[in-house]
C-alpha cells in the first residue's frame, strides 16, 4: 500500500485529528492515501463516522501499542 501523505496527531484529542485529516485530504488528489497516527482512542469511531459522512474510504484501521492508525483514500 503506497501512502501519499502521513500526519501525526499524537497527543491531540477530538476533534483535532479529524480536522487535520480533513485539511490534509483537501490538498490531495482523488484516490491518494492518507495515513493518520493518533493516540486518542475515540479516533477509531470518529474516523469511521468521518468516512461515512464525507465519502472518503476508510481503507484500514489498526491499533499498535497505544497508537491508532487510520488509512483513508481520498474520494
Protein backbone atom coordinates (compact mmCIF):
# COMPACT_ATOMS: atom_id res chain seq x y z
CA UNK A 1 0.00 0.00 0.00
CA UNK A 2 1.54 3.29 -1.11
CA UNK A 3 0.86 6.09 1.38
CA UNK A 4 0.94 9.53 -0.26
CA UNK A 5 0.80 11.62 2.91
CA UNK A 6 1.07 10.95 6.65
CA UNK A 7 0.02 13.18 9.52
CA UNK A 8 0.92 12.80 13.17
CA UNK A 9 -1.90 13.69 15.55
CA UNK A 10 -0.40 12.02 18.63
CA UNK A 11 -1.43 13.80 21.83
CA UNK A 12 -4.37 15.56 20.16
CA UNK A 13 -7.96 14.86 21.18
CA UNK A 14 -11.20 15.01 19.24
CA UNK A 15 -11.93 16.84 17.03
CA UNK A 16 -8.35 17.84 16.13
CA UNK A 17 -7.28 14.56 14.42
CA UNK A 18 -10.36 14.74 12.17
CA UNK A 19 -9.82 18.43 11.38
CA UNK A 20 -6.17 17.85 10.48
CA UNK A 21 -7.14 14.87 8.30
CA UNK A 22 -9.83 16.92 6.55
CA UNK A 23 -7.31 19.67 5.79
CA UNK A 24 -4.71 17.15 4.52
CA UNK A 25 -7.27 15.38 2.29
CA UNK A 26 -8.27 18.71 0.71
CA UNK A 27 -4.72 19.04 -0.68
CA UNK A 28 -4.62 15.51 -2.11
CA UNK A 29 -5.73 14.06 -5.44
CA UNK A 30 -8.60 11.62 -5.76
CA UNK A 31 -7.51 8.05 -4.94
CA UNK A 32 -4.46 9.04 -2.91
CA UNK A 33 -3.93 7.53 0.56
CA UNK A 34 -3.58 9.41 3.83
CA UNK A 35 -2.25 7.76 7.00
CA UNK A 36 -3.21 9.36 10.30
CA UNK A 37 -1.43 8.32 13.52
CA UNK A 38 -3.41 9.18 16.66
CA UNK A 39 -3.33 8.43 20.38
CA UNK A 40 -6.98 9.32 21.07
CA UNK A 41 -8.94 6.06 21.44
CA UNK A 42 -12.07 7.90 20.32
CA UNK A 43 -10.45 8.45 16.93
CA UNK A 44 -11.41 4.89 15.90
CA UNK A 45 -15.14 5.64 15.85
CA UNK A 46 -14.55 9.26 14.81
CA UNK A 47 -12.77 8.21 11.60
CA UNK A 48 -15.46 5.61 10.83
CA UNK A 49 -18.12 8.33 11.06
CA UNK A 50 -15.95 10.83 9.15
CA UNK A 51 -15.51 8.40 6.24
CA UNK A 52 -19.27 7.74 6.02
CA UNK A 53 -20.12 11.45 6.14
CA UNK A 54 -17.52 12.62 3.60
CA UNK A 55 -17.48 9.73 1.11
CA UNK A 56 -13.76 9.11 1.65
CA UNK A 57 -12.93 5.41 2.03
CA UNK A 58 -11.58 4.14 5.34
CA UNK A 59 -9.14 1.58 3.95
CA UNK A 60 -7.61 0.35 7.20
CA UNK A 61 -7.62 0.88 10.96
CA UNK A 62 -5.19 -0.73 13.35
CA UNK A 63 -4.03 -0.37 16.91
CA UNK A 64 -0.30 -0.61 17.57
CA UNK A 65 0.57 -0.26 21.23
CA UNK A 66 -1.21 2.90 22.36
CA UNK A 67 -1.46 4.32 18.84
CA UNK A 68 -4.34 4.17 16.42
CA UNK A 69 -3.51 4.17 12.72
CA UNK A 70 -6.13 5.15 10.16
CA UNK A 71 -5.69 4.97 6.39
CA UNK A 72 -8.11 6.96 4.24
CA UNK A 73 -8.49 7.02 0.45
CA UNK A 74 -9.39 10.45 -0.94
CA UNK A 75 -12.70 10.31 -2.82
